[in-house]
Structure formats: C-alpha cells, structure tokens
N, C-alpha and C. Protein backbone atom coordinates (compact mmCIF):
# COMPACT_ATOMS: atom_id res chain seq x y z
N UNK A 1 51.40 41.31 -50.42
CA UNK A 1 51.59 39.94 -49.99
C UNK A 1 50.33 39.13 -50.32
N UNK A 2 50.54 37.93 -50.81
CA UNK A 2 49.42 37.05 -51.11
C UNK A 2 48.85 36.44 -49.84
N UNK A 3 47.55 36.16 -49.84
CA UNK A 3 46.95 35.49 -48.71
C UNK A 3 47.51 34.07 -48.59
N UNK A 4 47.49 33.52 -47.38
CA UNK A 4 47.98 32.16 -47.17
C UNK A 4 47.27 31.15 -48.05
N UNK A 5 45.97 31.34 -48.26
CA UNK A 5 45.21 30.38 -49.06
C UNK A 5 45.63 30.40 -50.53
N UNK A 6 46.34 31.45 -50.95
CA UNK A 6 46.79 31.57 -52.34
C UNK A 6 48.27 31.24 -52.52
N UNK A 7 48.86 30.56 -51.54
CA UNK A 7 50.29 30.24 -51.63
C UNK A 7 50.50 28.74 -51.67
N UNK A 8 51.42 28.31 -52.51
CA UNK A 8 51.89 26.93 -52.47
C UNK A 8 52.97 26.88 -51.41
N UNK A 9 52.85 26.00 -50.46
CA UNK A 9 53.80 25.96 -49.35
C UNK A 9 54.58 24.65 -49.28
N UNK A 10 53.89 23.55 -49.50
CA UNK A 10 54.49 22.23 -49.25
C UNK A 10 55.36 21.78 -50.41
N UNK A 11 56.43 21.10 -50.06
CA UNK A 11 57.37 20.60 -51.05
C UNK A 11 56.70 19.64 -52.02
N UNK A 12 55.81 18.78 -51.50
CA UNK A 12 55.15 17.80 -52.38
C UNK A 12 54.23 18.49 -53.39
N UNK A 13 53.62 19.62 -53.00
CA UNK A 13 52.80 20.38 -53.95
C UNK A 13 53.65 20.98 -55.07
N UNK A 14 54.80 21.54 -54.69
CA UNK A 14 55.73 22.08 -55.68
C UNK A 14 56.17 20.98 -56.64
N UNK A 15 56.57 19.83 -56.07
CA UNK A 15 57.07 18.73 -56.90
C UNK A 15 56.01 18.22 -57.86
N UNK A 16 54.76 18.15 -57.39
CA UNK A 16 53.66 17.67 -58.23
C UNK A 16 53.45 18.60 -59.42
N UNK A 17 53.46 19.90 -59.17
CA UNK A 17 53.26 20.87 -60.26
C UNK A 17 54.45 20.82 -61.22
N UNK A 18 55.66 20.77 -60.69
CA UNK A 18 56.85 20.74 -61.55
C UNK A 18 56.90 19.48 -62.40
N UNK A 19 56.48 18.36 -61.83
CA UNK A 19 56.56 17.08 -62.53
C UNK A 19 55.41 16.90 -63.53
N UNK A 20 54.20 17.23 -63.12
CA UNK A 20 53.02 16.91 -63.93
C UNK A 20 52.41 18.12 -64.65
N UNK A 21 52.86 19.32 -64.33
CA UNK A 21 52.22 20.52 -64.87
C UNK A 21 52.62 20.83 -66.30
N UNK A 22 51.77 21.63 -66.97
CA UNK A 22 52.06 22.12 -68.31
C UNK A 22 52.94 23.36 -68.20
N UNK A 23 53.83 23.54 -69.16
CA UNK A 23 54.76 24.67 -69.15
C UNK A 23 54.43 25.68 -70.24
N UNK A 24 54.64 26.93 -69.89
CA UNK A 24 54.53 28.03 -70.84
C UNK A 24 55.70 28.96 -70.57
N UNK A 25 56.34 29.43 -71.66
CA UNK A 25 57.49 30.31 -71.48
C UNK A 25 57.26 31.62 -72.23
N UNK A 26 57.65 32.69 -71.59
CA UNK A 26 57.54 34.02 -72.19
C UNK A 26 58.67 34.87 -71.65
N UNK A 27 59.53 35.35 -72.53
CA UNK A 27 60.60 36.27 -72.17
C UNK A 27 61.47 35.71 -71.04
N UNK A 28 61.32 36.22 -69.83
CA UNK A 28 62.22 35.83 -68.74
C UNK A 28 61.50 35.04 -67.64
N UNK A 29 60.32 34.47 -67.98
CA UNK A 29 59.56 33.70 -67.00
C UNK A 29 59.06 32.40 -67.60
N UNK A 30 58.95 31.38 -66.75
CA UNK A 30 58.34 30.11 -67.12
C UNK A 30 57.16 29.90 -66.18
N UNK A 31 56.03 29.50 -66.74
CA UNK A 31 54.83 29.25 -65.95
C UNK A 31 54.55 27.75 -65.99
N UNK A 32 54.42 27.13 -64.83
CA UNK A 32 54.02 25.73 -64.71
C UNK A 32 52.65 25.73 -64.08
N UNK A 33 51.72 24.97 -64.66
CA UNK A 33 50.35 25.01 -64.18
C UNK A 33 49.77 23.60 -64.11
N UNK A 34 49.01 23.36 -63.05
CA UNK A 34 48.35 22.07 -62.86
C UNK A 34 47.03 22.30 -62.15
N UNK A 35 46.00 21.58 -62.57
CA UNK A 35 44.70 21.70 -61.89
C UNK A 35 44.79 21.11 -60.49
N UNK A 36 44.05 21.72 -59.56
CA UNK A 36 43.92 21.15 -58.23
C UNK A 36 42.44 20.96 -57.93
N UNK A 37 42.13 20.33 -56.83
CA UNK A 37 40.73 20.06 -56.49
C UNK A 37 40.19 21.08 -55.50
N UNK A 38 40.86 22.19 -55.36
CA UNK A 38 40.46 23.22 -54.42
C UNK A 38 39.68 24.33 -55.13
N UNK A 39 39.04 25.17 -54.36
CA UNK A 39 38.31 26.30 -54.92
C UNK A 39 39.16 27.58 -54.86
N UNK A 40 40.45 27.40 -54.82
CA UNK A 40 41.38 28.53 -54.78
C UNK A 40 42.45 28.33 -55.84
N UNK A 41 43.07 29.41 -56.23
CA UNK A 41 44.24 29.35 -57.08
C UNK A 41 45.43 29.57 -56.16
N UNK A 42 46.47 28.72 -56.30
CA UNK A 42 47.64 28.83 -55.43
C UNK A 42 48.89 29.07 -56.27
N UNK A 43 49.75 29.94 -55.76
CA UNK A 43 50.97 30.32 -56.48
C UNK A 43 52.21 29.96 -55.69
N UNK A 44 53.25 29.60 -56.43
CA UNK A 44 54.59 29.41 -55.88
C UNK A 44 55.56 30.15 -56.80
N UNK A 45 56.68 30.57 -56.23
CA UNK A 45 57.66 31.33 -57.00
C UNK A 45 59.03 30.70 -56.80
N UNK A 46 59.77 30.55 -57.90
CA UNK A 46 61.13 30.01 -57.84
C UNK A 46 62.07 31.02 -58.47
N UNK A 47 63.01 31.49 -57.67
CA UNK A 47 64.05 32.39 -58.15
C UNK A 47 65.37 31.79 -57.69
N UNK A 48 66.08 31.15 -58.62
CA UNK A 48 67.27 30.40 -58.24
C UNK A 48 68.51 31.30 -58.17
N UNK A 49 69.60 30.71 -57.75
CA UNK A 49 70.85 31.46 -57.66
C UNK A 49 71.42 31.77 -59.03
N UNK A 50 70.86 31.18 -60.07
CA UNK A 50 71.29 31.55 -61.42
C UNK A 50 70.87 32.98 -61.75
N UNK A 51 69.79 33.44 -61.13
CA UNK A 51 69.34 34.82 -61.32
C UNK A 51 70.35 35.76 -60.69
N UNK A 52 70.73 35.47 -59.44
CA UNK A 52 71.75 36.26 -58.75
C UNK A 52 72.25 35.47 -57.53
N UNK A 53 73.50 35.63 -57.24
CA UNK A 53 74.06 34.99 -56.04
C UNK A 53 73.60 35.74 -54.78
N UNK A 54 73.19 36.99 -54.96
CA UNK A 54 72.80 37.82 -53.82
C UNK A 54 71.33 37.61 -53.47
N UNK A 55 71.06 37.25 -52.22
CA UNK A 55 69.70 37.01 -51.75
C UNK A 55 68.84 38.26 -51.86
N UNK A 56 69.45 39.42 -51.69
CA UNK A 56 68.72 40.68 -51.76
C UNK A 56 68.05 40.84 -53.13
N UNK A 57 68.77 40.52 -54.18
CA UNK A 57 68.24 40.65 -55.53
C UNK A 57 67.18 39.59 -55.80
N UNK A 58 67.44 38.35 -55.36
CA UNK A 58 66.45 37.28 -55.54
C UNK A 58 65.14 37.62 -54.82
N UNK A 59 65.24 38.14 -53.62
CA UNK A 59 64.05 38.52 -52.85
C UNK A 59 63.30 39.67 -53.52
N UNK A 60 64.04 40.61 -54.09
CA UNK A 60 63.42 41.73 -54.81
C UNK A 60 62.62 41.21 -56.00
N UNK A 61 63.18 40.26 -56.73
CA UNK A 61 62.49 39.67 -57.86
C UNK A 61 61.21 38.97 -57.38
N UNK A 62 61.31 38.22 -56.29
CA UNK A 62 60.14 37.52 -55.74
C UNK A 62 59.05 38.51 -55.32
N UNK A 63 59.44 39.60 -54.69
CA UNK A 63 58.45 40.61 -54.28
C UNK A 63 57.73 41.19 -55.49
N UNK A 64 58.49 41.47 -56.54
CA UNK A 64 57.88 42.01 -57.76
C UNK A 64 56.92 41.00 -58.38
N UNK A 65 57.32 39.73 -58.42
CA UNK A 65 56.45 38.70 -58.98
C UNK A 65 55.17 38.58 -58.16
N UNK A 66 55.30 38.55 -56.84
CA UNK A 66 54.13 38.43 -55.96
C UNK A 66 53.17 39.60 -56.17
N UNK A 67 53.71 40.80 -56.25
CA UNK A 67 52.86 41.98 -56.41
C UNK A 67 52.15 41.97 -57.76
N UNK A 68 52.85 41.57 -58.81
CA UNK A 68 52.24 41.50 -60.14
C UNK A 68 51.12 40.46 -60.17
N UNK A 69 51.33 39.33 -59.51
CA UNK A 69 50.31 38.28 -59.44
C UNK A 69 49.13 38.75 -58.60
N UNK A 70 49.41 39.44 -57.52
CA UNK A 70 48.35 39.92 -56.62
C UNK A 70 47.37 40.82 -57.37
N UNK A 71 47.87 41.62 -58.29
CA UNK A 71 47.01 42.52 -59.07
C UNK A 71 46.13 41.76 -60.06
N UNK A 72 46.55 40.56 -60.47
CA UNK A 72 45.83 39.78 -61.47
C UNK A 72 45.03 38.62 -60.88
N UNK A 73 45.17 38.35 -59.60
CA UNK A 73 44.64 37.12 -59.01
C UNK A 73 43.12 37.01 -59.10
N UNK A 74 42.42 38.11 -59.07
CA UNK A 74 40.96 38.07 -59.15
C UNK A 74 40.45 37.72 -60.54
N UNK A 75 41.31 37.84 -61.55
CA UNK A 75 40.92 37.55 -62.93
C UNK A 75 41.20 36.09 -63.32
N UNK A 76 41.83 35.34 -62.43
CA UNK A 76 42.24 33.97 -62.75
C UNK A 76 41.17 32.99 -62.30
N UNK A 77 40.90 31.99 -63.17
CA UNK A 77 39.92 30.97 -62.81
C UNK A 77 40.43 30.16 -61.62
N UNK A 78 39.50 29.71 -60.79
CA UNK A 78 39.85 28.97 -59.58
C UNK A 78 40.21 27.52 -59.93
N UNK A 79 40.96 26.89 -59.03
CA UNK A 79 41.26 25.47 -59.18
C UNK A 79 42.58 25.17 -59.87
N UNK A 80 43.57 26.04 -59.73
CA UNK A 80 44.88 25.80 -60.33
C UNK A 80 45.99 25.99 -59.32
N UNK A 81 47.04 25.18 -59.46
CA UNK A 81 48.30 25.42 -58.77
C UNK A 81 49.25 25.95 -59.84
N UNK A 82 49.90 27.07 -59.55
CA UNK A 82 50.74 27.74 -60.54
C UNK A 82 52.09 28.05 -59.93
N UNK A 83 53.15 27.76 -60.67
CA UNK A 83 54.51 28.12 -60.25
C UNK A 83 55.11 29.03 -61.32
N UNK A 84 55.66 30.14 -60.88
CA UNK A 84 56.38 31.05 -61.77
C UNK A 84 57.87 30.87 -61.50
N UNK A 85 58.60 30.50 -62.54
CA UNK A 85 60.04 30.28 -62.42
C UNK A 85 60.74 31.40 -63.19
N UNK A 86 61.61 32.11 -62.51
CA UNK A 86 62.29 33.23 -63.16
C UNK A 86 63.60 32.75 -63.80
N UNK A 87 63.92 33.34 -64.93
CA UNK A 87 65.16 33.07 -65.64
C UNK A 87 66.13 34.22 -65.37
N UNK A 88 67.42 34.00 -65.57
CA UNK A 88 68.40 35.04 -65.23
C UNK A 88 68.17 36.40 -65.86
N UNK A 89 67.53 36.45 -67.01
CA UNK A 89 67.31 37.74 -67.68
C UNK A 89 66.29 38.63 -66.98
N UNK A 90 65.59 38.12 -65.97
CA UNK A 90 64.58 38.91 -65.27
C UNK A 90 65.22 40.01 -64.43
N UNK A 91 66.48 39.84 -64.10
CA UNK A 91 67.17 40.80 -63.24
C UNK A 91 67.13 42.23 -63.78
N UNK A 92 67.21 42.37 -65.09
CA UNK A 92 67.24 43.69 -65.70
C UNK A 92 65.87 44.29 -66.00
N UNK A 93 64.80 43.58 -65.68
CA UNK A 93 63.45 44.04 -66.01
C UNK A 93 62.89 44.93 -64.90
N UNK A 94 62.10 45.91 -65.30
CA UNK A 94 61.40 46.70 -64.29
C UNK A 94 60.02 46.10 -64.03
N UNK A 95 59.30 46.65 -63.08
CA UNK A 95 58.04 46.07 -62.62
C UNK A 95 57.00 45.99 -63.75
N UNK A 96 56.91 47.02 -64.57
CA UNK A 96 55.91 47.03 -65.65
C UNK A 96 56.18 45.93 -66.67
N UNK A 97 57.45 45.70 -66.98
CA UNK A 97 57.79 44.63 -67.93
C UNK A 97 57.44 43.26 -67.35
N UNK A 98 57.69 43.08 -66.07
CA UNK A 98 57.35 41.82 -65.41
C UNK A 98 55.84 41.61 -65.43
N UNK A 99 55.10 42.66 -65.14
CA UNK A 99 53.64 42.60 -65.13
C UNK A 99 53.10 42.22 -66.52
N UNK A 100 53.63 42.83 -67.55
CA UNK A 100 53.22 42.53 -68.92
C UNK A 100 53.53 41.08 -69.28
N UNK A 101 54.70 40.61 -68.90
CA UNK A 101 55.08 39.23 -69.18
C UNK A 101 54.14 38.24 -68.48
N UNK A 102 53.78 38.53 -67.24
CA UNK A 102 52.88 37.65 -66.50
C UNK A 102 51.50 37.62 -67.16
N UNK A 103 51.01 38.78 -67.61
CA UNK A 103 49.72 38.81 -68.30
C UNK A 103 49.76 37.97 -69.57
N UNK A 104 50.86 38.08 -70.33
CA UNK A 104 51.01 37.28 -71.55
C UNK A 104 51.00 35.79 -71.23
N UNK A 105 51.69 35.41 -70.15
CA UNK A 105 51.72 34.00 -69.75
C UNK A 105 50.34 33.50 -69.37
N UNK A 106 49.60 34.29 -68.62
CA UNK A 106 48.25 33.89 -68.22
C UNK A 106 47.34 33.73 -69.45
N UNK A 107 47.50 34.62 -70.43
CA UNK A 107 46.73 34.50 -71.66
C UNK A 107 47.11 33.24 -72.44
N UNK A 108 48.40 32.95 -72.51
CA UNK A 108 48.87 31.75 -73.20
C UNK A 108 48.30 30.49 -72.56
N UNK A 109 48.27 30.47 -71.23
CA UNK A 109 47.80 29.31 -70.49
C UNK A 109 46.27 29.22 -70.47
N UNK A 110 45.61 30.28 -70.92
CA UNK A 110 44.13 30.35 -70.95
C UNK A 110 43.52 30.10 -69.57
N UNK A 111 44.04 30.79 -68.57
CA UNK A 111 43.51 30.64 -67.22
C UNK A 111 42.77 31.88 -66.74
N UNK A 112 42.71 32.91 -67.57
CA UNK A 112 41.98 34.12 -67.19
C UNK A 112 40.50 33.89 -67.42
N UNK A 113 39.69 34.30 -66.45
CA UNK A 113 38.24 34.20 -66.62
C UNK A 113 37.76 35.40 -67.43
N UNK A 114 36.74 35.20 -68.21
CA UNK A 114 36.28 36.25 -69.11
C UNK A 114 35.42 37.27 -68.44
C-alpha cells in the first residue's frame, strides 16, 4: 500500500492531471504526468469498467499497479502528480509484465532520477 502522502485523492487533482498532463502510452497502460509544487510524488490509478465489469478483477489490477509503483517510487524524481490508466488488455497480464510496462513508461516520461 502506498503512503497517504503518495496518493492522489481529490477529484480536482485528478481532473487537473487528466486535463493538463502529458501522456505516454505503453502496451496496456497510459501514464499522465503533471508537475506539482510539492516535495512528493503522488499517484492515482484508473481502472474502468471497460477492463472488467467485475469489481474483483478491477481491484486486483489496481493492487498490482500499486505494488509495482511502490517498488519503483524511490527512484522517481519528486514533484510530480502521476495517473496510471489501465486499458482492457491489462487483464491478461501477470505482475512481472505490468512491472516491466511501468518501468518503460517511467523511462519514456524521463521521471526516473539517475
């Protein structure tokens, strides 16, 4: 589980990132990113009913995304709001594939600290 300080919670924060953020797409994930004025990196996750009508499966996908991000969070530069949007094809992916896709997205967005 991510710490509270690393979570996007408010609707207006989500809307701001979705509206003004830069997009990167890789395989079955879309990354939206926007700079913030905080000294933390904050994440939000969107798994729509297009992925699955069953909440159990959507929640499983969210848990996998959170865990993959948690493992990489220390390598990310501070001061970003990030939303990961899953596409329907993510349902068939295992945890390692999701982790690899997230790493590729972070590299594309150039948000990893050296």
